[in-house]
Protein backbone atom coordinates (compact mmCIF):
# COMPACT_ATOMS: atom_id res chain seq x y z
CA MET A 1 -63.34 24.61 84.23
CA ASN A 2 -63.60 26.87 81.21
CA MET A 3 -60.83 27.78 78.76
CA LEU A 4 -59.84 31.01 80.51
CA ASP A 5 -59.61 29.26 83.89
CA ALA A 6 -57.56 26.45 82.35
CA VAL A 7 -55.08 28.83 80.73
CA LYS A 8 -54.75 30.80 83.99
CA SER A 9 -54.22 27.57 85.92
CA VAL A 10 -51.53 26.32 83.57
CA LEU A 11 -49.72 29.66 83.43
CA THR A 12 -49.77 30.12 87.21
CA GLN A 13 -48.19 26.67 87.52
CA TYR A 14 -45.74 27.44 84.67
CA VAL A 15 -43.29 24.67 85.56
CA GLY A 16 -45.37 22.93 88.21
CA PHE A 17 -44.85 19.23 87.55
CA ARG A 18 -46.42 18.07 90.82
CA GLY A 19 -50.06 17.48 91.51
CA ARG A 20 -52.93 16.62 89.22
CA ALA A 21 -54.71 18.31 86.31
CA ARG A 22 -58.26 17.67 85.17
CA ARG A 23 -59.06 16.69 81.60
CA SER A 24 -60.69 20.06 81.01
CA GLU A 25 -57.54 21.89 82.09
CA TYR A 26 -55.34 19.85 79.77
CA TRP A 27 -57.62 19.92 76.73
CA TYR A 28 -58.57 23.59 77.06
CA TRP A 29 -54.86 24.43 77.32
CA THR A 30 -54.22 22.38 74.19
CA LEU A 31 -57.06 24.12 72.33
CA ALA A 32 -55.85 27.54 73.48
CA THR A 33 -52.31 26.86 72.22
CA ILE A 34 -53.66 25.69 68.85
CA ILE A 35 -55.79 28.84 68.52
CA ALA A 36 -52.84 31.02 69.57
CA SER A 37 -50.60 29.28 67.00
CA PHE A 38 -53.11 29.97 64.23
CA ALA A 39 -53.44 33.59 65.35
CA VAL A 40 -49.67 34.07 65.34
CA SER A 41 -49.44 32.48 61.88
CA ILE A 42 -52.14 34.80 60.54
CA VAL A 43 -50.42 37.85 62.03
CA GLU A 44 -47.07 36.78 60.60
CA ALA A 45 -48.55 36.21 57.16
CA ALA A 46 -50.64 39.40 57.12
CA ILE A 47 -48.29 41.88 58.73
CA LEU A 48 -44.82 40.45 58.24
CA GLY A 49 -45.48 38.55 55.02
CA ILE A 50 -43.82 35.42 56.43
CA ASP A 51 -45.18 32.03 55.41
CA GLY A 52 -42.83 29.83 57.41
CA THR A 53 -41.42 29.82 60.90
CA SER A 54 -40.48 33.25 62.13
CA PRO A 55 -39.01 34.56 65.36
CA LEU A 56 -42.51 35.34 66.68
CA SER A 57 -43.82 31.79 66.28
CA ALA A 58 -40.53 30.37 67.55
CA LEU A 59 -40.77 32.54 70.69
CA MET A 60 -44.35 31.42 71.26
CA SER A 61 -43.34 27.77 70.88
CA ILE A 62 -40.55 28.21 73.40
CA ALA A 63 -42.85 30.07 75.80
CA ILE A 64 -45.56 27.38 75.79
CA PHE A 65 -43.31 24.30 75.79
CA LEU A 66 -42.63 24.07 79.54
CA PRO A 67 -46.18 24.81 80.72
CA GLY A 68 -47.49 22.33 78.16
CA LEU A 69 -45.09 19.69 79.39
CA ALA A 70 -46.00 20.44 83.02
CA VAL A 71 -49.76 20.18 82.42
CA THR A 72 -49.18 16.89 80.57
CA PHE A 73 -47.25 15.56 83.58
CA ARG A 74 -50.07 16.62 85.89
CA ARG A 75 -52.71 15.12 83.57
CA LEU A 76 -50.88 11.78 83.61
CA HIS A 77 -50.64 12.03 87.41
CA ASP A 78 -54.42 12.49 87.52
CA THR A 79 -54.85 9.09 85.89
CA GLY A 80 -52.41 7.47 88.32
CA ARG A 81 -49.51 7.30 85.85
CA SER A 82 -46.04 8.73 86.11
CA GLY A 83 -45.47 11.93 84.17
CA TRP A 84 -42.35 10.34 82.73
CA TRP A 85 -44.55 8.50 80.23
CA ILE A 86 -44.23 11.58 78.05
CA GLY A 87 -40.44 11.11 77.91
CA GLY A 88 -40.85 7.92 75.89
CA PHE A 89 -42.61 9.88 73.18
CA TYR A 90 -39.73 12.33 72.82
CA LEU A 91 -37.16 9.51 72.88
CA GLY A 92 -39.11 7.68 70.21
CA LEU A 93 -39.20 10.79 68.06
CA LEU A 94 -35.44 11.22 68.43
CA ALA A 95 -34.87 7.59 67.44
CA PHE A 96 -37.20 8.00 64.47
CA PHE A 97 -35.42 11.12 63.23
CA PHE A 98 -32.06 9.44 63.73
CA ALA A 99 -33.18 6.49 61.59
CA ILE A 100 -34.57 8.81 58.90
CA GLY A 101 -31.33 10.81 58.96
CA ALA A 102 -29.35 7.61 58.56
CA LEU A 103 -31.54 6.69 55.60
CA ALA A 104 -30.96 10.08 54.02
CA PHE A 105 -27.19 9.80 54.25
CA GLY A 106 -27.05 6.45 52.47
CA THR A 107 -24.56 3.68 53.06
CA PHE A 108 -22.53 3.47 56.26
CA THR A 109 -19.42 1.43 56.85
CA LEU A 110 -19.79 -0.95 59.77
CA GLY A 111 -16.23 -2.14 59.79
CA GLU A 112 -13.43 -3.02 57.50
CA GLY A 113 -15.07 -4.00 54.23
CA ASN A 114 -18.54 -4.42 55.81
CA THR A 115 -21.13 -1.99 54.55
CA THR A 116 -24.84 -1.89 54.89
CA GLY A 117 -27.29 -0.22 52.56
CA SER A 118 -29.63 2.50 53.55
CA SER A 119 -32.53 0.06 53.23
CA ILE A 120 -31.73 -1.37 56.68
CA PHE A 121 -31.95 2.11 58.18
CA GLY A 122 -35.19 2.67 56.27
CA ILE A 123 -36.68 -0.49 57.76
CA ILE A 124 -35.50 0.52 61.22
CA GLY A 125 -37.03 3.97 60.67
CA ILE A 126 -40.36 2.44 59.66
CA ILE A 127 -40.39 0.15 62.71
CA ILE A 128 -39.50 3.02 65.05
CA GLY A 129 -42.08 5.24 63.34
CA MET A 130 -44.79 2.62 63.86
CA GLY A 131 -43.74 2.36 67.50
CA VAL A 132 -44.03 6.13 67.89
CA ILE A 133 -47.52 6.05 66.35
CA LEU A 134 -48.64 3.27 68.71
CA TYR A 135 -47.12 5.13 71.64
CA ALA A 136 -48.92 8.33 70.61
CA ILE A 137 -52.22 6.44 70.48
CA SER A 138 -51.65 5.05 73.97
CA MET A 139 -50.77 8.53 75.26
CA LEU A 140 -53.99 9.87 73.73
CA VAL A 141 -55.93 7.18 75.58
CA PHE A 142 -54.12 8.06 78.83
CA LEU A 143 -54.82 11.78 78.39
CA CYS A 144 -58.53 11.13 77.67
CA THR A 145 -58.99 8.78 80.63
CA ASP A 146 -61.05 10.04 83.57
CA SER A 147 -59.41 10.94 86.87
CA ASP A 148 -58.64 8.36 89.52
CA PHE A 149 -61.44 8.51 92.05
CA GLY A 150 -60.31 10.12 95.25
CA PRO A 151 -56.73 10.95 96.16
CA ASN A 152 -53.82 9.04 94.64
CA LYS A 153 -50.07 9.18 95.28
CA TYR A 154 -49.87 12.45 93.30
CA GLY A 155 -52.42 14.34 95.38
CA PRO A 156 -56.13 14.88 95.92
CA ASN A 157 -58.59 14.60 93.07
CA PRO A 158 -58.86 18.05 91.42
CA LYS A 159 -62.59 17.45 90.87
CA ASN A 160 -62.91 17.06 94.66
CA GLU A 161 -64.58 13.65 94.17
CA GLY A 162 -63.79 11.04 96.76
CA ASN A 163 -61.48 13.29 98.72
CA TYR A 164 -62.31 12.45 102.28
CA ASP A 165 -60.53 12.58 105.54
CA VAL A 166 -60.23 9.21 107.24
CA PHE A 167 -60.41 10.95 110.63
CA GLU A 168 -63.85 12.49 110.09
């Protein structure tokens, strides 16, 4: 599968969370979105004179979020894993940002006369951040893993390897 085929495949299955996606489909889609993001940034800087986030880049991010999530689900399915593995990453990020936000706002009162310093929230933020990094590494390994040979519970192998009919 080349990049154009991968982008077409992902966009035709815009919110298709079922089935399996080959490594090439996932990684070409990822590369295409990175290239598109750079192109949008260059256009915004050159034409609009905007150096930060603008409505154009925000619209592109919104437009590619669901297909990117769907192809990630299908890629995880291809390795025999549930697509819900990706949910842990987003939950971890939320927890991390919550801990960092708590650190930024300083001391919180836990009860009558009991206060805790922001250092506890900083330590919690560091621990959660390390967990998110380890989780991201494991997700990278999952996304780089080769397909399950033959069909699995998510469908036939998209490479057509090992797909056989038991009644032949």
